[in-house]
Amino acid sequence: MRLSRDGIAGLVIFSVSSALFVLTLGLKASTLVPIGPGFYPRIVLSITAFFSLWLLVADVLAQRRAPKVAVASAPKAGRPNYTLVALNFALFGAYVVALPGLGFRIATLFYVVLANALLAPPRGLRGWAGVLALALGTAFVAHWVFERELLVLLPRGRWTGF
């Protein structure tokens, strides 16, 4: 059985994130804080390994279910949209620049709204309501998890104090 690009990517990312996770186990714990230097990397690497393994398993299952077709009849992929990629990087850069002035909550709210509108422009009032609900939820949950649960101080806005 041959893996598709998704399966190969899942396998490579799973391998790399697993190896990096093992390396974080060698980091020495700090005596000053209860959370050591490997805590956050382990969270990120665990989530990355989980989703890459999920991608690999999904590809294997799809390969088993898919009928055998000639490679020549496979649909051609669309042209890459480099402009959209550049706009997303620019938007993220603007988000980083806006963080000190607006604060984490407001800057994150604006970033999520604009990123959603850029990637999948909402149609109608219902679409915009969904985008706004997602942005509010993202800003609230991220703030709650980091400030309340993980005790990580997030930037307060110089202009807003929020």
N, C-alpha and C. Protein backbone atom coordinates (compact mmCIF):
# COMPACT_ATOMS: atom_id res chain seq x y z
N MET A 1 0.85 -1.18 0.00
CA MET A 1 0.00 0.00 0.00
C MET A 1 0.90 1.24 0.00
N ARG A 2 0.54 2.21 -0.85
CA ARG A 2 1.27 3.46 -0.93
C ARG A 2 0.49 4.55 -0.19
N LEU A 3 1.23 5.36 0.54
CA LEU A 3 0.61 6.49 1.24
C LEU A 3 0.53 7.68 0.30
N SER A 4 -0.48 8.48 0.49
CA SER A 4 -0.59 9.73 -0.26
C SER A 4 0.29 10.77 0.42
N ARG A 5 0.27 11.99 -0.11
CA ARG A 5 1.04 13.08 0.52
C ARG A 5 0.61 13.30 1.96
N ASP A 6 -0.70 13.21 2.21
CA ASP A 6 -1.19 13.40 3.58
C ASP A 6 -0.62 12.35 4.52
N GLY A 7 -0.61 11.10 4.09
CA GLY A 7 -0.08 10.03 4.92
C GLY A 7 1.40 10.18 5.19
N ILE A 8 2.14 10.56 4.16
CA ILE A 8 3.58 10.77 4.33
C ILE A 8 3.83 11.95 5.27
N ALA A 9 3.09 13.04 5.08
CA ALA A 9 3.24 14.20 5.96
C ALA A 9 2.90 13.82 7.41
N GLY A 10 1.81 13.07 7.59
CA GLY A 10 1.43 12.63 8.94
C GLY A 10 2.51 11.79 9.58
N LEU A 11 3.10 10.88 8.81
CA LEU A 11 4.16 10.01 9.33
C LEU A 11 5.40 10.81 9.71
N VAL A 12 5.82 11.72 8.85
CA VAL A 12 7.01 12.53 9.12
C VAL A 12 6.78 13.43 10.35
N ILE A 13 5.64 14.11 10.39
CA ILE A 13 5.38 15.03 11.51
C ILE A 13 5.22 14.26 12.81
N PHE A 14 4.58 13.10 12.76
CA PHE A 14 4.45 12.29 13.96
C PHE A 14 5.82 11.86 14.47
N SER A 15 6.69 11.44 13.57
CA SER A 15 8.03 11.00 13.96
C SER A 15 8.84 12.14 14.57
N VAL A 16 8.80 13.31 13.93
CA VAL A 16 9.57 14.45 14.42
C VAL A 16 9.02 14.94 15.76
N SER A 17 7.70 15.07 15.87
CA SER A 17 7.14 15.56 17.13
C SER A 17 7.35 14.56 18.26
N SER A 18 7.33 13.27 17.96
CA SER A 18 7.59 12.26 18.99
C SER A 18 9.04 12.33 19.46
N ALA A 19 9.96 12.49 18.51
CA ALA A 19 11.38 12.58 18.88
C ALA A 19 11.64 13.84 19.70
N LEU A 20 11.04 14.95 19.31
CA LEU A 20 11.21 16.19 20.08
C LEU A 20 10.59 16.08 21.46
N PHE A 21 9.45 15.38 21.56
CA PHE A 21 8.81 15.18 22.87
C PHE A 21 9.76 14.43 23.80
N VAL A 22 10.39 13.37 23.28
CA VAL A 22 11.33 12.60 24.09
C VAL A 22 12.49 13.49 24.56
N LEU A 23 12.94 14.39 23.70
CA LEU A 23 14.03 15.28 24.10
C LEU A 23 13.61 16.24 25.22
N THR A 24 12.33 16.61 25.28
CA THR A 24 11.89 17.51 26.35
C THR A 24 11.92 16.83 27.72
N LEU A 25 11.93 15.51 27.74
CA LEU A 25 11.98 14.80 29.02
C LEU A 25 13.31 15.01 29.73
N GLY A 26 14.33 15.40 28.99
CA GLY A 26 15.65 15.64 29.58
C GLY A 26 15.83 17.04 30.14
N LEU A 27 14.85 17.91 29.97
CA LEU A 27 14.96 19.27 30.50
C LEU A 27 14.83 19.24 32.02
N LYS A 28 15.71 19.98 32.69
CA LYS A 28 15.71 19.97 34.16
C LYS A 28 14.60 20.88 34.68
N ALA A 29 13.92 20.43 35.69
CA ALA A 29 12.84 21.20 36.31
C ALA A 29 13.39 22.39 37.06
N SER A 30 12.62 23.46 37.08
CA SER A 30 13.01 24.66 37.81
C SER A 30 12.55 24.55 39.25
N THR A 31 13.37 25.02 40.16
CA THR A 31 12.99 24.99 41.58
C THR A 31 12.13 26.20 41.95
N LEU A 32 12.09 27.22 41.08
CA LEU A 32 11.35 28.44 41.40
C LEU A 32 9.88 28.36 41.03
N VAL A 33 9.55 27.61 39.99
CA VAL A 33 8.16 27.53 39.54
C VAL A 33 7.74 26.06 39.43
N PRO A 34 6.46 25.78 39.66
CA PRO A 34 6.02 24.38 39.61
C PRO A 34 5.99 23.81 38.20
N ILE A 35 5.86 24.67 37.19
CA ILE A 35 5.82 24.20 35.81
C ILE A 35 7.20 24.36 35.22
N GLY A 36 7.79 23.26 34.79
CA GLY A 36 9.14 23.29 34.25
C GLY A 36 9.19 23.80 32.82
N PRO A 37 10.39 23.91 32.27
CA PRO A 37 10.55 24.46 30.93
C PRO A 37 10.02 23.55 29.83
N GLY A 38 9.79 22.29 30.11
CA GLY A 38 9.28 21.38 29.09
C GLY A 38 7.77 21.28 29.05
N PHE A 39 7.08 21.97 29.94
CA PHE A 39 5.62 21.83 30.03
C PHE A 39 4.90 22.24 28.76
N TYR A 40 5.12 23.47 28.31
CA TYR A 40 4.41 23.96 27.12
C TYR A 40 4.84 23.24 25.85
N PRO A 41 6.15 23.01 25.64
CA PRO A 41 6.51 22.24 24.45
C PRO A 41 5.89 20.84 24.42
N ARG A 42 5.77 20.22 25.58
CA ARG A 42 5.14 18.89 25.61
C ARG A 42 3.67 18.94 25.21
N ILE A 43 2.98 20.00 25.63
CA ILE A 43 1.58 20.16 25.24
C ILE A 43 1.48 20.30 23.72
N VAL A 44 2.27 21.20 23.17
CA VAL A 44 2.22 21.45 21.72
C VAL A 44 2.63 20.20 20.94
N LEU A 45 3.70 19.55 21.37
CA LEU A 45 4.17 18.36 20.66
C LEU A 45 3.19 17.20 20.79
N SER A 46 2.53 17.08 21.92
CA SER A 46 1.52 16.02 22.08
C SER A 46 0.34 16.24 21.15
N ILE A 47 -0.13 17.47 21.06
CA ILE A 47 -1.25 17.78 20.18
C ILE A 47 -0.85 17.57 18.72
N THR A 48 0.36 18.01 18.37
CA THR A 48 0.85 17.83 17.01
C THR A 48 0.98 16.35 16.67
N ALA A 49 1.52 15.56 17.58
CA ALA A 49 1.66 14.12 17.34
C ALA A 49 0.29 13.46 17.20
N PHE A 50 -0.65 13.85 18.03
CA PHE A 50 -1.99 13.28 17.96
C PHE A 50 -2.64 13.53 16.60
N PHE A 51 -2.62 14.79 16.15
CA PHE A 51 -3.27 15.11 14.89
C PHE A 51 -2.53 14.55 13.68
N SER A 52 -1.21 14.47 13.75
CA SER A 52 -0.48 13.87 12.64
C SER A 52 -0.73 12.36 12.58
N LEU A 53 -0.85 11.71 13.73
CA LEU A 53 -1.20 10.29 13.74
C LEU A 53 -2.62 10.09 13.21
N TRP A 54 -3.51 10.99 13.56
CA TRP A 54 -4.88 10.96 13.05
C TRP A 54 -4.87 11.08 11.52
N LEU A 55 -4.06 11.98 11.00
CA LEU A 55 -3.94 12.16 9.55
C LEU A 55 -3.40 10.90 8.89
N LEU A 56 -2.42 10.28 9.49
CA LEU A 56 -1.85 9.05 8.95
C LEU A 56 -2.89 7.93 8.93
N VAL A 57 -3.60 7.74 10.02
CA VAL A 57 -4.62 6.68 10.09
C VAL A 57 -5.75 6.96 9.09
N ALA A 58 -6.18 8.21 8.98
CA ALA A 58 -7.22 8.56 8.02
C ALA A 58 -6.77 8.26 6.60
N ASP A 59 -5.52 8.53 6.29
CA ASP A 59 -5.01 8.25 4.95
C ASP A 59 -4.96 6.75 4.69
N VAL A 60 -4.51 5.97 5.67
CA VAL A 60 -4.47 4.51 5.49
C VAL A 60 -5.87 3.96 5.28
N LEU A 61 -6.83 4.43 6.07
CA LEU A 61 -8.21 3.95 5.91
C LEU A 61 -8.79 4.38 4.57
N ALA A 62 -8.49 5.58 4.12
CA ALA A 62 -8.98 6.06 2.83
C ALA A 62 -8.36 5.27 1.69
N GLN A 63 -7.10 4.90 1.83
CA GLN A 63 -6.44 4.11 0.78
C GLN A 63 -7.06 2.71 0.69
N ARG A 64 -7.46 2.15 1.81
CA ARG A 64 -8.09 0.82 1.79
C ARG A 64 -9.48 0.86 1.18
N ARG A 65 -10.23 1.94 1.45
CA ARG A 65 -11.60 2.05 0.95
C ARG A 65 -11.68 2.51 -0.50
N ALA A 66 -10.68 3.26 -0.94
CA ALA A 66 -10.74 3.86 -2.27
C ALA A 66 -10.58 2.79 -3.35
N PRO A 67 -11.37 2.90 -4.41
CA PRO A 67 -11.18 1.96 -5.52
C PRO A 67 -9.85 2.26 -6.22
N LYS A 68 -9.27 1.23 -6.76
CA LYS A 68 -7.99 1.40 -7.45
C LYS A 68 -8.23 2.09 -8.79
N VAL A 69 -7.66 3.27 -8.96
CA VAL A 69 -7.79 4.03 -10.20
C VAL A 69 -6.41 4.36 -10.71
N ALA A 70 -6.33 4.60 -11.97
CA ALA A 70 -5.06 4.96 -12.58
C ALA A 70 -4.65 6.35 -12.11
N VAL A 71 -3.37 6.55 -11.98
CA VAL A 71 -2.87 7.84 -11.52
C VAL A 71 -3.21 8.94 -12.52
N ALA A 72 -3.26 8.62 -13.79
CA ALA A 72 -3.52 9.62 -14.81
C ALA A 72 -4.93 10.20 -14.71
N SER A 73 -5.87 9.45 -14.13
CA SER A 73 -7.24 9.94 -14.04
C SER A 73 -7.52 10.72 -12.76
N ALA A 74 -6.51 10.87 -11.92
CA ALA A 74 -6.69 11.61 -10.67
C ALA A 74 -6.94 13.09 -10.99
N PRO A 75 -7.84 13.74 -10.24
CA PRO A 75 -8.10 15.16 -10.51
C PRO A 75 -6.88 16.01 -10.20
N LYS A 76 -6.70 17.06 -10.97
CA LYS A 76 -5.56 17.95 -10.78
C LYS A 76 -5.87 18.95 -9.68
N ALA A 77 -4.88 19.23 -8.89
CA ALA A 77 -5.04 20.20 -7.81
C ALA A 77 -5.10 21.61 -8.39
N GLY A 78 -5.81 22.49 -7.70
CA GLY A 78 -5.90 23.88 -8.13
C GLY A 78 -4.57 24.60 -7.92
N ARG A 79 -4.46 25.76 -8.51
CA ARG A 79 -3.25 26.56 -8.35
C ARG A 79 -3.13 27.06 -6.92
N PRO A 80 -1.93 27.04 -6.36
CA PRO A 80 -1.76 27.57 -5.01
C PRO A 80 -2.07 29.07 -4.99
N ASN A 81 -2.69 29.51 -3.92
CA ASN A 81 -3.06 30.91 -3.78
C ASN A 81 -2.02 31.60 -2.88
N TYR A 82 -0.91 32.01 -3.48
CA TYR A 82 0.17 32.63 -2.72
C TYR A 82 -0.23 33.99 -2.16
N THR A 83 -1.13 34.66 -2.84
CA THR A 83 -1.59 35.96 -2.35
C THR A 83 -2.30 35.79 -1.01
N LEU A 84 -3.14 34.77 -0.90
CA LEU A 84 -3.86 34.51 0.35
C LEU A 84 -2.88 34.17 1.47
N VAL A 85 -1.85 33.41 1.15
CA VAL A 85 -0.84 33.07 2.15
C VAL A 85 -0.13 34.34 2.63
N ALA A 86 0.26 35.19 1.69
CA ALA A 86 0.94 36.44 2.05
C ALA A 86 0.03 37.34 2.89
N LEU A 87 -1.25 37.41 2.52
CA LEU A 87 -2.19 38.22 3.30
C LEU A 87 -2.36 37.68 4.72
N ASN A 88 -2.37 36.36 4.87
CA ASN A 88 -2.47 35.77 6.21
C ASN A 88 -1.25 36.08 7.05
N PHE A 89 -0.06 36.02 6.44
CA PHE A 89 1.15 36.38 7.18
C PHE A 89 1.11 37.85 7.57
N ALA A 90 0.68 38.70 6.66
CA ALA A 90 0.58 40.13 6.96
C ALA A 90 -0.42 40.38 8.07
N LEU A 91 -1.55 39.70 8.03
CA LEU A 91 -2.57 39.85 9.07
C LEU A 91 -2.03 39.40 10.42
N PHE A 92 -1.29 38.30 10.44
CA PHE A 92 -0.70 37.84 11.70
C PHE A 92 0.33 38.84 12.21
N GLY A 93 1.11 39.41 11.30
CA GLY A 93 2.08 40.43 11.69
C GLY A 93 1.38 41.64 12.30
N ALA A 94 0.26 42.06 11.70
CA ALA A 94 -0.51 43.18 12.24
C ALA A 94 -1.05 42.83 13.63
N TYR A 95 -1.46 41.58 13.81
CA TYR A 95 -1.94 41.12 15.12
C TYR A 95 -0.85 41.25 16.17
N VAL A 96 0.35 40.82 15.84
CA VAL A 96 1.48 40.90 16.78
C VAL A 96 1.80 42.35 17.11
N VAL A 97 1.76 43.22 16.11
CA VAL A 97 2.03 44.64 16.34
C VAL A 97 0.93 45.27 17.19
N ALA A 98 -0.31 44.83 17.02
CA ALA A 98 -1.44 45.41 17.75
C ALA A 98 -1.55 44.92 19.19
N LEU A 99 -0.92 43.81 19.52
CA LEU A 99 -1.04 43.25 20.88
C LEU A 99 -0.69 44.23 22.00
N PRO A 100 0.43 44.93 21.95
CA PRO A 100 0.73 45.84 23.07
C PRO A 100 -0.27 46.99 23.21
N GLY A 101 -0.78 47.47 22.11
CA GLY A 101 -1.70 48.61 22.18
C GLY A 101 -3.11 48.22 22.55
N LEU A 102 -3.62 47.15 21.92
CA LEU A 102 -5.01 46.74 22.14
C LEU A 102 -5.17 45.73 23.27
N GLY A 103 -4.14 44.98 23.56
CA GLY A 103 -4.25 43.92 24.55
C GLY A 103 -4.63 42.61 23.88
N PHE A 104 -4.40 41.51 24.60
CA PHE A 104 -4.61 40.19 24.03
C PHE A 104 -6.05 39.94 23.60
N ARG A 105 -7.00 40.25 24.47
CA ARG A 105 -8.40 39.91 24.18
C ARG A 105 -8.95 40.64 22.96
N ILE A 106 -8.74 41.94 22.89
CA ILE A 106 -9.30 42.71 21.78
C ILE A 106 -8.55 42.40 20.48
N ALA A 107 -7.21 42.32 20.54
CA ALA A 107 -6.43 42.01 19.35
C ALA A 107 -6.77 40.63 18.82
N THR A 108 -6.96 39.65 19.70
CA THR A 108 -7.32 38.30 19.28
C THR A 108 -8.71 38.28 18.66
N LEU A 109 -9.63 39.01 19.24
CA LEU A 109 -10.97 39.11 18.67
C LEU A 109 -10.92 39.63 17.23
N PHE A 110 -10.21 40.74 17.02
CA PHE A 110 -10.09 41.30 15.68
C PHE A 110 -9.37 40.35 14.73
N TYR A 111 -8.31 39.71 15.21
CA TYR A 111 -7.54 38.79 14.36
C TYR A 111 -8.40 37.63 13.90
N VAL A 112 -9.13 37.01 14.80
CA VAL A 112 -9.95 35.85 14.43
C VAL A 112 -11.06 36.26 13.46
N VAL A 113 -11.68 37.41 13.69
CA VAL A 113 -12.72 37.88 12.76
C VAL A 113 -12.13 38.10 11.37
N LEU A 114 -11.01 38.82 11.29
CA LEU A 114 -10.41 39.14 10.00
C LEU A 114 -9.84 37.90 9.30
N ALA A 115 -9.23 37.00 10.07
CA ALA A 115 -8.70 35.78 9.46
C ALA A 115 -9.82 34.91 8.90
N ASN A 116 -10.93 34.80 9.64
CA ASN A 116 -12.07 34.04 9.13
C ASN A 116 -12.65 34.68 7.89
N ALA A 117 -12.80 35.99 7.92
CA ALA A 117 -13.35 36.70 6.77
C ALA A 117 -12.44 36.58 5.56
N LEU A 118 -11.15 36.52 5.79
CA LEU A 118 -10.19 36.39 4.69
C LEU A 118 -10.21 34.99 4.10
N LEU A 119 -10.22 33.97 4.94
CA LEU A 119 -10.14 32.59 4.46
C LEU A 119 -11.46 32.06 3.91
N ALA A 120 -12.56 32.41 4.56
CA ALA A 120 -13.88 31.95 4.11
C ALA A 120 -14.86 33.10 4.33
N PRO A 121 -14.96 34.00 3.37
CA PRO A 121 -15.83 35.17 3.55
C PRO A 121 -17.26 34.76 3.91
N PRO A 122 -17.77 35.27 5.03
CA PRO A 122 -19.12 34.89 5.46
C PRO A 122 -20.17 35.51 4.54
N ARG A 123 -21.27 34.80 4.39
CA ARG A 123 -22.38 35.28 3.56
C ARG A 123 -23.56 35.61 4.45
N GLY A 124 -23.97 36.81 4.40
CA GLY A 124 -25.16 37.21 5.13
C GLY A 124 -24.91 37.45 6.60
N LEU A 125 -25.99 37.86 7.25
CA LEU A 125 -25.93 38.19 8.68
C LEU A 125 -25.62 36.96 9.52
N ARG A 126 -26.17 35.83 9.15
CA ARG A 126 -25.94 34.60 9.91
C ARG A 126 -24.46 34.18 9.86
N GLY A 127 -23.83 34.34 8.70
CA GLY A 127 -22.41 34.03 8.56
C GLY A 127 -21.55 34.92 9.43
N TRP A 128 -21.85 36.24 9.42
CA TRP A 128 -21.10 37.16 10.25
C TRP A 128 -21.33 36.91 11.73
N ALA A 129 -22.54 36.50 12.09
CA ALA A 129 -22.82 36.17 13.49
C ALA A 129 -21.99 34.96 13.92
N GLY A 130 -21.86 33.98 13.04
CA GLY A 130 -21.03 32.82 13.35
C GLY A 130 -19.56 33.18 13.52
N VAL A 131 -19.07 34.06 12.63
CA VAL A 131 -17.69 34.51 12.73
C VAL A 131 -17.47 35.26 14.04
N LEU A 132 -18.38 36.14 14.39
CA LEU A 132 -18.26 36.90 15.63
C LEU A 132 -18.33 35.98 16.86
N ALA A 133 -19.22 35.00 16.82
CA ALA A 133 -19.32 34.04 17.94
C ALA A 133 -18.03 33.24 18.08
N LEU A 134 -17.47 32.83 16.97
CA LEU A 134 -16.20 32.09 17.02
C LEU A 134 -15.09 32.96 17.58
N ALA A 135 -15.03 34.21 17.15
CA ALA A 135 -13.98 35.12 17.62
C ALA A 135 -14.12 35.41 19.12
N LEU A 136 -15.35 35.65 19.55
CA LEU A 136 -15.58 35.88 20.99
C LEU A 136 -15.20 34.65 21.81
N GLY A 137 -15.61 33.49 21.33
CA GLY A 137 -15.30 32.25 22.03
C GLY A 137 -13.80 31.98 22.08
N THR A 138 -13.12 32.22 20.96
CA THR A 138 -11.67 32.01 20.91
C THR A 138 -10.95 32.93 21.87
N ALA A 139 -11.28 34.21 21.84
CA ALA A 139 -10.63 35.17 22.73
C ALA A 139 -10.90 34.84 24.19
N PHE A 140 -12.15 34.48 24.51
CA PHE A 140 -12.51 34.18 25.90
C PHE A 140 -11.81 32.91 26.39
N VAL A 141 -11.89 31.84 25.61
CA VAL A 141 -11.31 30.55 26.04
C VAL A 141 -9.79 30.65 26.14
N ALA A 142 -9.15 31.30 25.16
CA ALA A 142 -7.69 31.43 25.21
C ALA A 142 -7.28 32.24 26.44
N HIS A 143 -7.98 33.33 26.69
CA HIS A 143 -7.66 34.15 27.87
C HIS A 143 -7.89 33.36 29.15
N TRP A 144 -9.00 32.67 29.24
CA TRP A 144 -9.32 31.90 30.45
C TRP A 144 -8.29 30.80 30.70
N VAL A 145 -7.94 30.05 29.66
CA VAL A 145 -6.99 28.95 29.82
C VAL A 145 -5.62 29.48 30.25
N PHE A 146 -5.13 30.50 29.55
CA PHE A 146 -3.78 30.97 29.87
C PHE A 146 -3.72 31.77 31.16
N GLU A 147 -4.63 32.69 31.37
CA GLU A 147 -4.57 33.55 32.57
C GLU A 147 -5.04 32.82 33.82
N ARG A 148 -6.13 32.10 33.73
CA ARG A 148 -6.74 31.51 34.93
C ARG A 148 -6.18 30.13 35.26
N GLU A 149 -5.99 29.31 34.24
CA GLU A 149 -5.57 27.93 34.50
C GLU A 149 -4.05 27.76 34.49
N LEU A 150 -3.38 28.32 33.49
CA LEU A 150 -1.93 28.15 33.38
C LEU A 150 -1.13 29.27 34.03
N LEU A 151 -1.82 30.30 34.50
CA LEU A 151 -1.21 31.44 35.18
C LEU A 151 -0.14 32.13 34.33
N VAL A 152 -0.44 32.28 33.04
CA VAL A 152 0.44 32.99 32.12
C VAL A 152 -0.14 34.38 31.92
N LEU A 153 0.66 35.40 32.18
CA LEU A 153 0.17 36.77 32.00
C LEU A 153 0.16 37.12 30.51
N LEU A 154 -0.98 37.56 30.03
CA LEU A 154 -1.13 37.97 28.65
C LEU A 154 -1.09 39.49 28.57
N PRO A 155 -0.70 40.05 27.42
CA PRO A 155 -0.56 41.50 27.32
C PRO A 155 -1.87 42.25 27.56
N ARG A 156 -1.78 43.28 28.39
CA ARG A 156 -2.88 44.23 28.59
C ARG A 156 -2.64 45.38 27.61
N GLY A 157 -3.71 45.96 27.11
CA GLY A 157 -3.57 47.03 26.14
C GLY A 157 -3.16 48.35 26.76
N ARG A 158 -2.14 49.00 26.18
CA ARG A 158 -1.76 50.34 26.65
C ARG A 158 -2.88 51.33 26.39
N TRP A 159 -3.59 51.15 25.26
CA TRP A 159 -4.64 52.09 24.88
C TRP A 159 -5.96 51.75 25.56
N THR A 160 -6.17 50.48 25.86
CA THR A 160 -7.47 50.04 26.38
C THR A 160 -7.44 49.68 27.86
N GLY A 161 -6.28 49.24 28.36
CA GLY A 161 -6.19 48.78 29.75
C GLY A 161 -6.90 47.45 29.97
N PHE A 162 -7.26 46.81 28.89
CA PHE A 162 -8.05 45.57 28.95
C PHE A 162 -7.25 44.42 28.45
